[in-house]
C-alpha atoms as a PDB file:
ATOM      1  CA  UNK A   1      47.732 194.524 178.828  1.00  0.00           C
ATOM      2  CA  UNK A   2      47.083 197.063 181.591  1.00  0.00           C
ATOM      3  CA  UNK A   3      47.483 200.051 179.231  1.00  0.00           C
ATOM      4  CA  UNK A   4      44.752 198.540 177.086  1.00  0.00           C
ATOM      5  CA  UNK A   5      42.571 198.016 180.147  1.00  0.00           C
ATOM      6  CA  UNK A   6      43.026 201.662 181.173  1.00  0.00           C
ATOM      7  CA  UNK A   7      41.882 202.759 177.706  1.00  0.00           C
ATOM      8  CA  UNK A   8      38.808 200.512 177.912  1.00  0.00           C
ATOM      9  CA  UNK A   9      37.878 201.869 181.339  1.00  0.00           C
ATOM     10  CA  UNK A  10      38.289 205.433 180.068  1.00  0.00           C
ATOM     11  CA  UNK A  11      35.982 204.657 177.140  1.00  0.00           C
ATOM     12  CA  UNK A  12      33.498 203.028 179.533  1.00  0.00           C
ATOM     13  CA  UNK A  13      33.302 206.196 181.646  1.00  0.00           C
ATOM     14  CA  UNK A  14      32.949 208.270 178.474  1.00  0.00           C
ATOM     15  CA  UNK A  15      30.047 206.101 177.294  1.00  0.00           C
ATOM     16  CA  UNK A  16      28.280 206.451 180.666  1.00  0.00           C
ATOM     17  CA  UNK A  17      28.485 210.238 180.266  1.00  0.00           C
ATOM     18  CA  UNK A  18      27.241 210.124 176.669  1.00  0.00           C
ATOM     19  CA  UNK A  19      24.264 207.938 177.579  1.00  0.00           C
ATOM     20  CA  UNK A  20      23.240 210.465 180.214  1.00  0.00           C
ATOM     21  CA  UNK A  21      23.321 213.402 177.782  1.00  0.00           C
ATOM     22  CA  UNK A  22      20.084 214.777 176.336  1.00  0.00           C
ATOM     23  CA  UNK A  23      21.509 214.786 172.808  1.00  0.00           C
ATOM     24  CA  UNK A  24      22.098 211.012 172.830  1.00  0.00           C
ATOM     25  CA  UNK A  25      18.898 210.177 174.727  1.00  0.00           C
ATOM     26  CA  UNK A  26      16.863 211.924 172.015  1.00  0.00           C
ATOM     27  CA  UNK A  27      18.651 210.025 169.218  1.00  0.00           C
ATOM     28  CA  UNK A  28      17.459 206.418 169.317  1.00  0.00           C
ATOM     29  CA  UNK A  29      20.115 205.020 166.980  1.00  0.00           C
ATOM     30  CA  UNK A  30      22.976 206.719 168.827  1.00  0.00           C
ATOM     31  CA  UNK A  31      21.608 205.645 172.185  1.00  0.00           C
ATOM     32  CA  UNK A  32      21.274 201.996 171.136  1.00  0.00           C
ATOM     33  CA  UNK A  33      24.766 201.996 169.617  1.00  0.00           C
ATOM     34  CA  UNK A  34      26.412 203.459 172.726  1.00  0.00           C
ATOM     35  CA  UNK A  35      24.380 201.206 175.034  1.00  0.00           C
ATOM     36  CA  UNK A  36      25.494 198.131 173.102  1.00  0.00           C
ATOM     37  CA  UNK A  37      29.148 199.223 173.260  1.00  0.00           C
ATOM     38  CA  UNK A  38      28.836 199.889 177.003  1.00  0.00           C
ATOM     39  CA  UNK A  39      27.339 196.441 177.543  1.00  0.00           C
ATOM     40  CA  UNK A  40      30.224 194.775 175.698  1.00  0.00           C
ATOM     41  CA  UNK A  41      32.788 196.633 177.824  1.00  0.00           C
ATOM     42  CA  UNK A  42      31.036 196.109 181.162  1.00  0.00           C
ATOM     43  CA  UNK A  43      32.422 192.653 181.977  1.00  0.00           C
ATOM     44  CA  UNK A  44      36.079 193.465 181.301  1.00  0.00           C
ATOM     45  CA  UNK A  45      35.855 196.843 183.089  1.00  0.00           C
ATOM     46  CA  UNK A  46      34.205 195.258 186.158  1.00  0.00           C
ATOM     47  CA  UNK A  47      36.967 192.611 186.294  1.00  0.00           C
ATOM     48  CA  UNK A  48      39.661 195.300 185.843  1.00  0.00           C
ATOM     49  CA  UNK A  49      38.220 197.405 188.669  1.00  0.00           C
ATOM     50  CA  UNK A  50      38.033 194.360 190.926  1.00  0.00           C
ATOM     51  CA  UNK A  51      41.665 193.556 190.046  1.00  0.00           C
ATOM     52  CA  UNK A  52      42.711 197.110 190.997  1.00  0.00           C
ATOM     53  CA  UNK A  53      40.811 196.841 194.277  1.00  0.00           C
ATOM     54  CA  UNK A  54      42.497 193.524 195.120  1.00  0.00           C
ATOM     55  CA  UNK A  55      45.886 194.891 194.071  1.00  0.00           C
ATOM     56  CA  UNK A  56      45.442 197.863 196.431  1.00  0.00           C
ATOM     57  CA  UNK A  57      44.526 195.442 199.225  1.00  0.00           C
ATOM     58  CA  UNK A  58      47.668 193.397 198.502  1.00  0.00           C
ATOM     59  CA  UNK A  59      49.874 196.496 198.686  1.00  0.00           C
ATOM     60  CA  UNK A  60      48.260 197.522 201.969  1.00  0.00           C
ATOM     61  CA  UNK A  61      48.845 194.088 203.468  1.00  0.00           C
ATOM     62  CA  UNK A  62      52.473 194.014 202.373  1.00  0.00           C
ATOM     63  CA  UNK A  63      52.938 197.504 203.789  1.00  0.00           C
ATOM     64  CA  UNK A  64      51.467 196.363 207.114  1.00  0.00           C
ATOM     65  CA  UNK A  65      53.801 193.345 207.156  1.00  0.00           C
ATOM     66  CA  UNK A  66      56.803 195.634 206.668  1.00  0.00           C
ATOM     67  CA  UNK A  67      55.948 197.657 209.770  1.00  0.00           C
ATOM     68  CA  UNK A  68      55.904 196.918 213.479  1.00  0.00           C
ATOM     69  CA  UNK A  69      52.545 195.739 214.779  1.00  0.00           C
ATOM     70  CA  UNK A  70      51.200 193.304 217.319  1.00  0.00           C
ATOM     71  CA  UNK A  71      52.092 189.697 216.539  1.00  0.00           C
ATOM     72  CA  UNK A  72      48.434 188.604 216.250  1.00  0.00           C
ATOM     73  CA  UNK A  73      47.680 191.442 213.818  1.00  0.00           C
ATOM     74  CA  UNK A  74      50.683 190.537 211.632  1.00  0.00           C
ATOM     75  CA  UNK A  75      49.694 186.869 211.669  1.00  0.00           C
ATOM     76  CA  UNK A  76      46.205 187.778 210.454  1.00  0.00           C
ATOM     77  CA  UNK A  77      47.598 189.938 207.638  1.00  0.00           C
ATOM     78  CA  UNK A  78      50.058 187.205 206.681  1.00  0.00           C
ATOM     79  CA  UNK A  79      47.288 184.558 206.537  1.00  0.00           C
ATOM     80  CA  UNK A  80      45.178 186.697 204.165  1.00  0.00           C
ATOM     81  CA  UNK A  81      47.987 187.388 201.697  1.00  0.00           C
ATOM     82  CA  UNK A  82      48.162 183.976 199.872  1.00  0.00           C
ATOM     83  CA  UNK A  83      44.410 183.972 199.119  1.00  0.00           C
ATOM     84  CA  UNK A  84      44.633 187.562 197.870  1.00  0.00           C
ATOM     85  CA  UNK A  85      47.535 186.678 195.565  1.00  0.00           C
ATOM     86  CA  UNK A  86      45.579 183.716 194.193  1.00  0.00           C
ATOM     87  CA  UNK A  87      42.562 185.960 193.535  1.00  0.00           C
ATOM     88  CA  UNK A  88      44.828 188.354 191.617  1.00  0.00           C
ATOM     89  CA  UNK A  89      46.303 185.500 189.546  1.00  0.00           C
ATOM     90  CA  UNK A  90      42.798 184.245 188.694  1.00  0.00           C
ATOM     91  CA  UNK A  91      41.604 187.730 187.751  1.00  0.00           C
ATOM     92  CA  UNK A  92      44.677 188.313 185.599  1.00  0.00           C
ATOM     93  CA  UNK A  93      43.945 185.091 183.673  1.00  0.00           C
ATOM     94  CA  UNK A  94      40.304 186.119 183.180  1.00  0.00           C
ATOM     95  CA  UNK A  95      41.380 189.549 181.924  1.00  0.00           C
ATOM     96  CA  UNK A  96      43.861 188.009 179.476  1.00  0.00           C
ATOM     97  CA  UNK A  97      41.109 185.798 178.052  1.00  0.00           C
ATOM     98  CA  UNK A  98      38.667 188.709 177.808  1.00  0.00           C
ATOM     99  CA  UNK A  99      41.222 190.860 175.974  1.00  0.00           C
ATOM    100  CA  UNK A 100      41.870 188.092 173.454  1.00  0.00           C
ATOM    101  CA  UNK A 101      38.398 188.811 172.166  1.00  0.00           C
ATOM    102  CA  UNK A 102      34.902 187.973 173.250  1.00  0.00           C
ATOM    103  CA  UNK A 103      33.844 184.404 172.593  1.00  0.00           C
ATOM    104  CA  UNK A 104      32.182 184.492 169.147  1.00  0.00           C
ATOM    105  CA  UNK A 105      30.038 181.514 170.140  1.00  0.00           C
ATOM    106  CA  UNK A 106      28.525 183.216 173.205  1.00  0.00           C
ATOM    107  CA  UNK A 107      25.249 184.337 171.677  1.00  0.00           C
ATOM    108  CA  UNK A 108      24.895 181.664 169.008  1.00  0.00           C
ATOM    109  CA  UNK A 109      21.958 179.295 169.007  1.00  0.00           C
ATOM    110  CA  UNK A 110      22.373 175.622 168.196  1.00  0.00           C
ATOM    111  CA  UNK A 111      20.949 172.941 165.952  1.00  0.00           C
ATOM    112  CA  UNK A 112      21.718 169.466 167.285  1.00  0.00           C
ATOM    113  CA  UNK A 113      21.620 166.340 165.150  1.00  0.00           C
ATOM    114  CA  UNK A 114      21.639 162.940 166.904  1.00  0.00           C
ATOM    115  CA  UNK A 115      21.941 159.772 164.819  1.00  0.00           C
ATOM    116  CA  UNK A 116      22.004 156.137 165.828  1.00  0.00           C
ATOM    117  CA  UNK A 117      25.332 154.633 164.684  1.00  0.00           C
ATOM    118  CA  UNK A 118      26.396 151.033 165.206  1.00  0.00           C
ATOM    119  CA  UNK A 119      24.301 148.838 167.481  1.00  0.00           C
ATOM    120  CA  UNK A 120      20.862 148.612 165.860  1.00  0.00           C
ATOM    121  CA  UNK A 121      17.891 149.090 168.192  1.00  0.00           C
ATOM    122  CA  UNK A 122      20.139 149.676 171.219  1.00  0.00           C
ATOM    123  CA  UNK A 123      21.744 152.613 169.398  1.00  0.00           C
ATOM    124  CA  UNK A 124      18.369 154.145 168.572  1.00  0.00           C
ATOM    125  CA  UNK A 125      17.213 153.739 172.176  1.00  0.00           C
ATOM    126  CA  UNK A 126      20.293 155.550 173.451  1.00  0.00           C
ATOM    127  CA  UNK A 127      19.830 158.263 170.813  1.00  0.00           C
ATOM    128  CA  UNK A 128      16.513 158.844 172.582  1.00  0.00           C
ATOM    129  CA  UNK A 129      18.299 158.928 175.947  1.00  0.00           C
ATOM    130  CA  UNK A 130      20.736 161.566 174.673  1.00  0.00           C
ATOM    131  CA  UNK A 131      17.900 163.652 173.241  1.00  0.00           C
ATOM    132  CA  UNK A 132      16.222 163.565 176.652  1.00  0.00           C
ATOM    133  CA  UNK A 133      19.512 164.447 178.386  1.00  0.00           C
ATOM    134  CA  UNK A 134      20.098 167.512 176.201  1.00  0.00           C
ATOM    135  CA  UNK A 135      16.525 168.789 176.466  1.00  0.00           C
ATOM    136  CA  UNK A 136      16.641 168.374 180.260  1.00  0.00           C
ATOM    137  CA  UNK A 137      19.895 170.367 180.293  1.00  0.00           C
ATOM    138  CA  UNK A 138      18.308 173.015 178.057  1.00  0.00           C
ATOM    139  CA  UNK A 139      15.335 173.305 180.423  1.00  0.00           C
ATOM    140  CA  UNK A 140      17.673 173.694 183.394  1.00  0.00           C
ATOM    141  CA  UNK A 141      19.577 176.496 181.609  1.00  0.00           C
ATOM    142  CA  UNK A 142      16.417 178.274 180.544  1.00  0.00           C
ATOM    143  CA  UNK A 143      16.965 177.496 176.844  1.00  0.00           C
ATOM    144  CA  UNK A 144      14.087 176.765 174.494  1.00  0.00           C
ATOM    145  CA  UNK A 145      14.147 173.639 172.328  1.00  0.00           C
ATOM    146  CA  UNK A 146      12.096 172.465 169.380  1.00  0.00           C
ATOM    147  CA  UNK A 147      12.220 169.285 167.301  1.00  0.00           C
ATOM    148  CA  UNK A 148      12.915 170.124 163.660  1.00  0.00           C
ATOM    149  CA  UNK A 149      12.995 166.629 162.204  1.00  0.00           C
ATOM    150  CA  UNK A 150      12.826 163.096 163.596  1.00  0.00           C
ATOM    151  CA  UNK A 151      12.751 159.458 162.498  1.00  0.00           C
ATOM    152  CA  UNK A 152      11.434 157.241 165.282  1.00  0.00           C
ATOM    153  CA  UNK A 153      12.631 153.636 165.450  1.00  0.00           C
ATOM    154  CA  UNK A 154      10.412 150.608 166.055  1.00  0.00           C
ATOM    155  CA  UNK A 155      11.823 150.307 169.580  1.00  0.00           C
ATOM    156  CA  UNK A 156      10.662 153.809 170.459  1.00  0.00           C
ATOM    157  CA  UNK A 157      14.028 155.547 170.204  1.00  0.00           C
ATOM    158  CA  UNK A 158      15.329 157.647 167.335  1.00  0.00           C
ATOM    159  CA  UNK A 159      17.113 156.635 164.174  1.00  0.00           C
ATOM    160  CA  UNK A 160      17.708 160.378 163.817  1.00  0.00           C
ATOM    161  CA  UNK A 161      16.463 163.478 165.596  1.00  0.00           C
ATOM    162  CA  UNK A 162      17.323 167.090 164.805  1.00  0.00           C
ATOM    163  CA  UNK A 163      16.293 169.873 167.158  1.00  0.00           C
ATOM    164  CA  UNK A 164      17.088 173.503 167.862  1.00  0.00           C
ATOM    165  CA  UNK A 165      18.217 174.940 171.196  1.00  0.00           C
ATOM    166  CA  UNK A 166      17.841 178.702 171.536  1.00  0.00           C
ATOM    167  CA  UNK A 167      19.051 181.107 174.190  1.00  0.00           C
ATOM    168  CA  UNK A 168      22.278 183.000 174.967  1.00  0.00           C
ATOM    169  CA  UNK A 169      25.009 180.441 175.556  1.00  0.00           C
ATOM    170  CA  UNK A 170      23.214 177.529 173.885  1.00  0.00           C
ATOM    171  CA  UNK A 171      25.885 176.770 171.274  1.00  0.00           C
ATOM    172  CA  UNK A 172      28.743 177.832 173.540  1.00  0.00           C
ATOM    173  CA  UNK A 173      27.756 175.257 176.174  1.00  0.00           C
ATOM    174  CA  UNK A 174      26.626 172.427 173.909  1.00  0.00           C
ATOM    175  CA  UNK A 175      29.280 172.539 171.167  1.00  0.00           C
ATOM    176  CA  UNK A 176      31.511 170.120 173.106  1.00  0.00           C
ATOM    177  CA  UNK A 177      28.900 167.372 172.645  1.00  0.00           C
ATOM    178  CA  UNK A 178      29.838 166.954 168.979  1.00  0.00           C
ATOM    179  CA  UNK A 179      31.359 163.545 168.328  1.00  0.00           C
ATOM    180  CA  UNK A 180      30.742 159.866 168.876  1.00  0.00           C
ATOM    181  CA  UNK A 181      29.118 158.772 172.130  1.00  0.00           C
ATOM    182  CA  UNK A 182      29.590 155.111 173.068  1.00  0.00           C
ATOM    183  CA  UNK A 183      27.153 153.261 175.323  1.00  0.00           C
ATOM    184  CA  UNK A 184      27.801 149.927 177.053  1.00  0.00           C
ATOM    185  CA  UNK A 185      24.841 148.167 178.630  1.00  0.00           C
ATOM    186  CA  UNK A 186      22.913 144.884 178.723  1.00  0.00           C
ATOM    187  CA  UNK A 187      19.890 145.065 176.385  1.00  0.00           C
ATOM    188  CA  UNK A 188      16.488 144.021 177.726  1.00  0.00           C
ATOM    189  CA  UNK A 189      16.386 141.290 175.065  1.00  0.00           C
ATOM    190  CA  UNK A 190      19.798 139.854 176.078  1.00  0.00           C
ATOM    191  CA  UNK A 191      19.026 136.799 178.237  1.00  0.00           C
ATOM    192  CA  UNK A 192      22.670 135.862 178.855  1.00  0.00           C
ATOM    193  CA  UNK A 193      23.554 139.226 180.402  1.00  0.00           C
ATOM    194  CA  UNK A 194      26.112 140.060 177.698  1.00  0.00           C
ATOM    195  CA  UNK A 195      27.092 143.741 177.532  1.00  0.00           C
ATOM    196  CA  UNK A 196      26.209 145.314 174.197  1.00  0.00           C
ATOM    197  CA  UNK A 197      28.215 148.245 172.764  1.00  0.00           C
ATOM    198  CA  UNK A 198      26.534 150.870 170.589  1.00  0.00           C
ATOM    199  CA  UNK A 199      27.500 154.253 169.187  1.00  0.00           C
ATOM    200  CA  UNK A 200      25.564 157.435 168.563  1.00  0.00           C
ATOM    201  CA  UNK A 201      26.850 160.410 166.599  1.00  0.00           C
ATOM    202  CA  UNK A 202      26.098 163.951 167.684  1.00  0.00           C
ATOM    203  CA  UNK A 203      26.686 167.068 165.593  1.00  0.00           C
ATOM    204  CA  UNK A 204      26.160 170.493 167.168  1.00  0.00           C
ATOM    205  CA  UNK A 205      25.776 173.186 164.515  1.00  0.00           C
ATOM    206  CA  UNK A 206      25.391 176.940 164.728  1.00  0.00           C
ATOM    207  CA  UNK A 207      21.962 178.218 163.774  1.00  0.00           C
ATOM    208  CA  UNK A 208      22.614 181.157 161.415  1.00  0.00           C
ATOM    209  CA  UNK A 209      20.307 184.144 161.216  1.00  0.00           C
ATOM    210  CA  UNK A 210      18.814 185.528 158.022  1.00  0.00           C
ATOM    211  CA  UNK A 211      21.529 188.175 157.639  1.00  0.00           C
ATOM    212  CA  UNK A 212      24.413 185.764 158.160  1.00  0.00           C
ATOM    213  CA  UNK A 213      23.383 183.352 155.413  1.00  0.00           C
ATOM    214  CA  UNK A 214      21.234 184.153 152.404  1.00  0.00           C
ATOM    215  CA  UNK A 215      19.983 181.282 150.246  1.00  0.00           C
ATOM    216  CA  UNK A 216      19.029 181.870 146.623  1.00  0.00           C
ATOM    217  CA  UNK A 217      15.515 180.375 146.104  1.00  0.00           C
ATOM    218  CA  UNK A 218      16.566 179.292 142.596  1.00  0.00           C
ATOM    219  CA  UNK A 219      19.086 176.909 144.176  1.00  0.00           C
ATOM    220  CA  UNK A 220      16.301 175.008 145.958  1.00  0.00           C
ATOM    221  CA  UNK A 221      14.168 172.078 144.836  1.00  0.00           C
ATOM    222  CA  UNK A 222      11.177 171.650 147.147  1.00  0.00           C
ATOM    223  CA  UNK A 223       9.061 168.490 147.090  1.00  0.00           C
ATOM    224  CA  UNK A 224       5.968 167.794 149.191  1.00  0.00           C
ATOM    225  CA  UNK A 225       4.542 164.404 150.055  1.00  0.00           C
ATOM    226  CA  UNK A 226       2.408 162.675 152.669  1.00  0.00           C
ATOM    227  CA  UNK A 227       3.925 161.988 156.077  1.00  0.00           C
ATOM    228  CA  UNK A 228       4.508 158.337 156.910  1.00  0.00           C
ATOM    229  CA  UNK A 229       4.936 156.445 160.170  1.00  0.00           C
ATOM    230  CA  UNK A 230       6.290 153.001 161.009  1.00  0.00           C
ATOM    231  CA  UNK A 231       6.129 150.580 158.099  1.00  0.00           C
ATOM    232  CA  UNK A 232       5.428 153.387 155.657  1.00  0.00           C
ATOM    233  CA  UNK A 233       1.771 153.861 156.584  1.00  0.00           C
ATOM    234  CA  UNK A 234       0.379 157.329 155.982  1.00  0.00           C
ATOM    235  CA  UNK A 235      -0.176 159.402 159.110  1.00  0.00           C
ATOM    236  CA  UNK A 236      -1.645 162.396 157.330  1.00  0.00           C
ATOM    237  CA  UNK A 237      -4.208 162.862 154.566  1.00  0.00           C
ATOM    238  CA  UNK A 238      -2.533 165.937 153.078  1.00  0.00           C
ATOM    239  CA  UNK A 239       0.845 166.528 151.431  1.00  0.00           C
ATOM    240  CA  UNK A 240       2.368 168.181 154.493  1.00  0.00           C
ATOM    241  CA  UNK A 241       5.828 166.569 154.546  1.00  0.00           C
ATOM    242  CA  UNK A 242       8.572 168.623 152.892  1.00  0.00           C
ATOM    243  CA  UNK A 243      11.857 167.658 151.249  1.00  0.00           C
ATOM    244  CA  UNK A 244      14.270 170.465 150.316  1.00  0.00           C
ATOM    245  CA  UNK A 245      17.265 169.843 148.070  1.00  0.00           C
ATOM    246  CA  UNK A 246      19.978 172.472 147.825  1.00  0.00           C
ATOM    247  CA  UNK A 247      21.051 171.977 144.216  1.00  0.00           C
ATOM    248  CA  UNK A 248      24.442 173.673 144.533  1.00  0.00           C
ATOM    249  CA  UNK A 249      25.702 171.668 147.512  1.00  0.00           C
ATOM    250  CA  UNK A 250      23.601 168.530 147.118  1.00  0.00           C
ATOM    251  CA  UNK A 251      22.367 168.775 150.717  1.00  0.00           C
ATOM    252  CA  UNK A 252      18.903 167.272 151.306  1.00  0.00           C
ATOM    253  CA  UNK A 253      16.731 167.859 154.382  1.00  0.00           C
ATOM    254  CA  UNK A 254      13.251 166.586 155.161  1.00  0.00           C
ATOM    255  CA  UNK A 255      10.627 167.421 157.755  1.00  0.00           C
ATOM    256  CA  UNK A 256       7.295 165.744 158.416  1.00  0.00           C
ATOM    257  CA  UNK A 257       6.758 166.298 162.136  1.00  0.00           C
ATOM    258  CA  UNK A 258       4.140 169.040 161.749  1.00  0.00           C
ATOM    259  CA  UNK A 259       0.701 168.716 160.167  1.00  0.00           C
ATOM    260  CA  UNK A 260       1.212 172.069 158.467  1.00  0.00           C
ATOM    261  CA  UNK A 261       3.223 172.091 155.229  1.00  0.00           C
ATOM    262  CA  UNK A 262       4.330 175.676 155.973  1.00  0.00           C
ATOM    263  CA  UNK A 263       5.645 174.752 159.437  1.00  0.00           C
ATOM    264  CA  UNK A 264       7.514 171.764 157.998  1.00  0.00           C
ATOM    265  CA  UNK A 265       9.035 173.967 155.312  1.00  0.00           C
ATOM    266  CA  UNK A 266      10.200 176.559 157.869  1.00  0.00           C
ATOM    267  CA  UNK A 267      11.771 173.857 160.038  1.00  0.00           C
ATOM    268  CA  UNK A 268      13.436 172.197 157.049  1.00  0.00           C
ATOM    269  CA  UNK A 269      14.881 175.552 156.002  1.00  0.00           C
ATOM    270  CA  UNK A 270      16.278 176.068 159.505  1.00  0.00           C
ATOM    271  CA  UNK A 271      18.097 172.719 159.305  1.00  0.00           C
ATOM    272  CA  UNK A 272      19.322 173.442 155.783  1.00  0.00           C
ATOM    273  CA  UNK A 273      20.710 176.834 156.802  1.00  0.00           C
ATOM    274  CA  UNK A 274      22.592 175.302 159.739  1.00  0.00           C
ATOM    275  CA  UNK A 275      24.067 172.558 157.551  1.00  0.00           C
ATOM    276  CA  UNK A 276      25.037 174.999 154.800  1.00  0.00           C
ATOM    277  CA  UNK A 277      26.800 177.311 157.263  1.00  0.00           C
ATOM    278  CA  UNK A 278      28.570 174.313 158.748  1.00  0.00           C
ATOM    279  CA  UNK A 279      29.669 173.190 155.286  1.00  0.00           C
ATOM    280  CA  UNK A 280      30.985 176.695 154.529  1.00  0.00           C
ATOM    281  CA  UNK A 281      32.954 176.741 157.774  1.00  0.00           C
ATOM    282  CA  UNK A 282      34.428 173.338 156.996  1.00  0.00           C
ATOM    283  CA  UNK A 283      35.735 174.640 153.694  1.00  0.00           C
ATOM    284  CA  UNK A 284      37.161 177.758 155.348  1.00  0.00           C
ATOM    285  CA  UNK A 285      39.050 175.988 158.120  1.00  0.00           C
ATOM    286  CA  UNK A 286      40.092 173.047 155.938  1.00  0.00           C
ATOM    287  CA  UNK A 287      39.463 170.068 158.159  1.00  0.00           C
ATOM    288  CA  UNK A 288      40.558 171.375 161.559  1.00  0.00           C
ATOM    289  CA  UNK A 289      39.108 170.271 164.896  1.00  0.00           C
ATOM    290  CA  UNK A 290      35.847 172.214 164.590  1.00  0.00           C
ATOM    291  CA  UNK A 291      35.165 170.642 161.191  1.00  0.00           C
ATOM    292  CA  UNK A 292      31.936 168.666 161.459  1.00  0.00           C
ATOM    293  CA  UNK A 293      33.380 165.547 159.838  1.00  0.00           C
ATOM    294  CA  UNK A 294      36.154 165.441 162.402  1.00  0.00           C
ATOM    295  CA  UNK A 295      33.534 165.917 165.108  1.00  0.00           C
ATOM    296  CA  UNK A 296      31.268 163.145 163.951  1.00  0.00           C
ATOM    297  CA  UNK A 297      33.477 160.747 162.016  1.00  0.00           C
ATOM    298  CA  UNK A 298      31.877 157.614 160.645  1.00  0.00           C
ATOM    299  CA  UNK A 299      30.131 156.446 163.771  1.00  0.00           C
ATOM    300  CA  UNK A 300      32.640 153.671 164.436  1.00  0.00           C
ATOM    301  CA  UNK A 301      33.316 152.570 168.021  1.00  0.00           C
ATOM    302  CA  UNK A 302      36.948 153.730 167.981  1.00  0.00           C
ATOM    303  CA  UNK A 303      36.111 157.388 167.225  1.00  0.00           C
ATOM    304  CA  UNK A 304      34.556 158.132 170.592  1.00  0.00           C
ATOM    305  CA  UNK A 305      34.573 161.257 172.743  1.00  0.00           C
ATOM    306  CA  UNK A 306      32.590 159.824 175.648  1.00  0.00           C
ATOM    307  CA  UNK A 307      31.611 156.417 177.027  1.00  0.00           C
ATOM    308  CA  UNK A 308      28.490 155.693 179.098  1.00  0.00           C
ATOM    309  CA  UNK A 309      29.009 152.442 181.012  1.00  0.00           C
ATOM    310  CA  UNK A 310      25.712 151.302 182.546  1.00  0.00           C
ATOM    311  CA  UNK A 311      26.989 148.260 184.534  1.00  0.00           C
ATOM    312  CA  UNK A 312      29.651 150.342 186.351  1.00  0.00           C
ATOM    313  CA  UNK A 313      27.487 153.503 186.467  1.00  0.00           C
ATOM    314  CA  UNK A 314      30.294 155.633 185.093  1.00  0.00           C
ATOM    315  CA  UNK A 315      30.644 158.182 182.283  1.00  0.00           C
ATOM    316  CA  UNK A 316      34.084 159.043 180.901  1.00  0.00           C
ATOM    317  CA  UNK A 317      35.006 161.933 178.609  1.00  0.00           C
ATOM    318  CA  UNK A 318      38.091 160.713 176.748  1.00  0.00           C
ATOM    319  CA  UNK A 319      39.213 164.171 175.559  1.00  0.00           C
ATOM    320  CA  UNK A 320      40.001 165.397 179.073  1.00  0.00           C
ATOM    321  CA  UNK A 321      40.193 162.097 180.965  1.00  0.00           C
ATOM    322  CA  UNK A 322      37.284 163.015 183.247  1.00  0.00           C
ATOM    323  CA  UNK A 323      35.188 160.198 184.756  1.00  0.00           C
ATOM    324  CA  UNK A 324      31.943 160.934 186.611  1.00  0.00           C
ATOM    325  CA  UNK A 325      29.980 158.413 188.674  1.00  0.00           C
ATOM    326  CA  UNK A 326      26.858 160.584 189.031  1.00  0.00           C
ATOM    327  CA  UNK A 327      25.347 158.449 186.292  1.00  0.00           C
ATOM    328  CA  UNK A 328      21.633 159.109 186.771  1.00  0.00           C
ATOM    329  CA  UNK A 329      22.243 162.830 187.337  1.00  0.00           C
ATOM    330  CA  UNK A 330      24.084 163.183 184.010  1.00  0.00           C
ATOM    331  CA  UNK A 331      21.354 161.376 182.085  1.00  0.00           C
ATOM    332  CA  UNK A 332      18.879 163.742 183.743  1.00  0.00           C
ATOM    333  CA  UNK A 333      20.650 166.652 182.072  1.00  0.00           C
ATOM    334  CA  UNK A 334      23.184 167.592 184.746  1.00  0.00           C
ATOM    335  CA  UNK A 335      26.169 167.745 182.378  1.00  0.00           C
ATOM    336  CA  UNK A 336      27.587 170.981 183.859  1.00  0.00           C
ATOM    337  CA  UNK A 337      30.706 169.245 185.212  1.00  0.00           C
ATOM    338  CA  UNK A 338      31.670 168.113 181.703  1.00  0.00           C
ATOM    339  CA  UNK A 339      30.806 171.512 180.191  1.00  0.00           C
ATOM    340  CA  UNK A 340      32.893 173.431 182.763  1.00  0.00           C
ATOM    341  CA  UNK A 341      35.914 171.127 182.408  1.00  0.00           C
ATOM    342  CA  UNK A 342      35.838 171.352 178.610  1.00  0.00           C
ATOM    343  CA  UNK A 343      35.465 175.144 178.708  1.00  0.00           C
ATOM    344  CA  UNK A 344      38.493 175.378 181.018  1.00  0.00           C
ATOM    345  CA  UNK A 345      40.494 173.162 178.679  1.00  0.00           C
ATOM    346  CA  UNK A 346      39.559 175.355 175.707  1.00  0.00           C
ATOM    347  CA  UNK A 347      40.507 178.501 177.665  1.00  0.00           C
ATOM    348  CA  UNK A 348      43.960 177.069 178.442  1.00  0.00           C
ATOM    349  CA  UNK A 349      44.470 176.148 174.784  1.00  0.00           C
ATOM    350  CA  UNK A 350      43.449 179.659 173.685  1.00  0.00           C
ATOM    351  CA  UNK A 351      46.027 181.173 176.038  1.00  0.00           C
ATOM    352  CA  UNK A 352      48.770 178.941 174.609  1.00  0.00           C
ATOM    353  CA  UNK A 353      48.062 179.896 170.979  1.00  0.00           C
END
C-alpha cells in the first residue's frame, strides 16, 4: 500500500510542477486535464502526508521513552502515545479505503420516488412527511431540489411524489433511504386511540447525464393531455400534461405539475432516464442488494428498513440496529446520524470484500 502511496505523491508533485509551467498554462485542454488529475489525488496525498507526519511523531516519542529523561517529561510522552497510535490506525483505514477506488457515487445526483404503500390516507400523509424531511435535509446540505412529478391525496399528503436532488454528494448521502419505511401513530380520525401502522416505499435513483444514457427518440411515445386535480377536474385549459412511454422497456412516466408542456416534458424525461438507468443496472448486477426491487420490495409491512414510532418518539433503522430518540429533529431533516452510521457500515463491508 505504501509503495503505491509514494507513487501517487510523486505524481502529485509532478502535476504541481506541470501546472506551473508556461507550456501547460497556455494549453487550456492540458491545463484542465492536469488540474482535474491533481484534484483527484489531493485527498489521498494529504492523508498520506498527515500519516507520515504522525508516524514521525510516534517514532520521536518512542525514542524519547527509550532514553533517560525527567519522570514528568516521560509521563507526558507516554500519555500522548496511545492517542497518536489511534490516529495512525484511523488514517491507515482511511488510506486503504481511498486506494480501493474513489466512491463512484460521490458526484452523482439523485432522483427520489416516494410512494404511499399500505395504510391508505395515513400512508399518504407520511409520504408527505418524508418528502418534507428529505427536502429539509437537502436544504441543510446545500443541495437543490425540484419536484418532477406528484399525485396529491385528498388528505393533503402524496400518493406519489418524485423529485430530484442535485449537488455533490446528493446520491451518496441519500441512497441509504431506499426501502420500506414503516410509521406507527394514532390517526387524527381514530377516536379510540388505536395505533395505526402504514408503510411508504422510497426509491433513490441515480440521475444520469446526457452522455451516460442516450435514448432513441423512435423508442418514445409521447402523449399530451389536460392536467387534472382531485376528482378528475381540469386544472388547466391547455394540453400541458405529458405522458411518455418507452416502447422498448414498457416504462411509463407522467408529469403535469408545470403549466408549460415543454417543462413537463423535460421533467418527465429526467424521470424516465433515471428509471431506465436503474433498470439497466438491475440487469447488470442480477438482483443484488442495490437492485431497486430489493430496495423497495412490494410495500408490505415486513420488508422494512426503518420504523418511525410516534407514541414512543423513537426511530429505528433495522439494518444497523440504530435507534434515535431525537424524533422531531429527524423529521426536520437532521438524518445525519443515520447517514454517517450507514456510511461506516458500508466502508467496513467494502474493506472485507
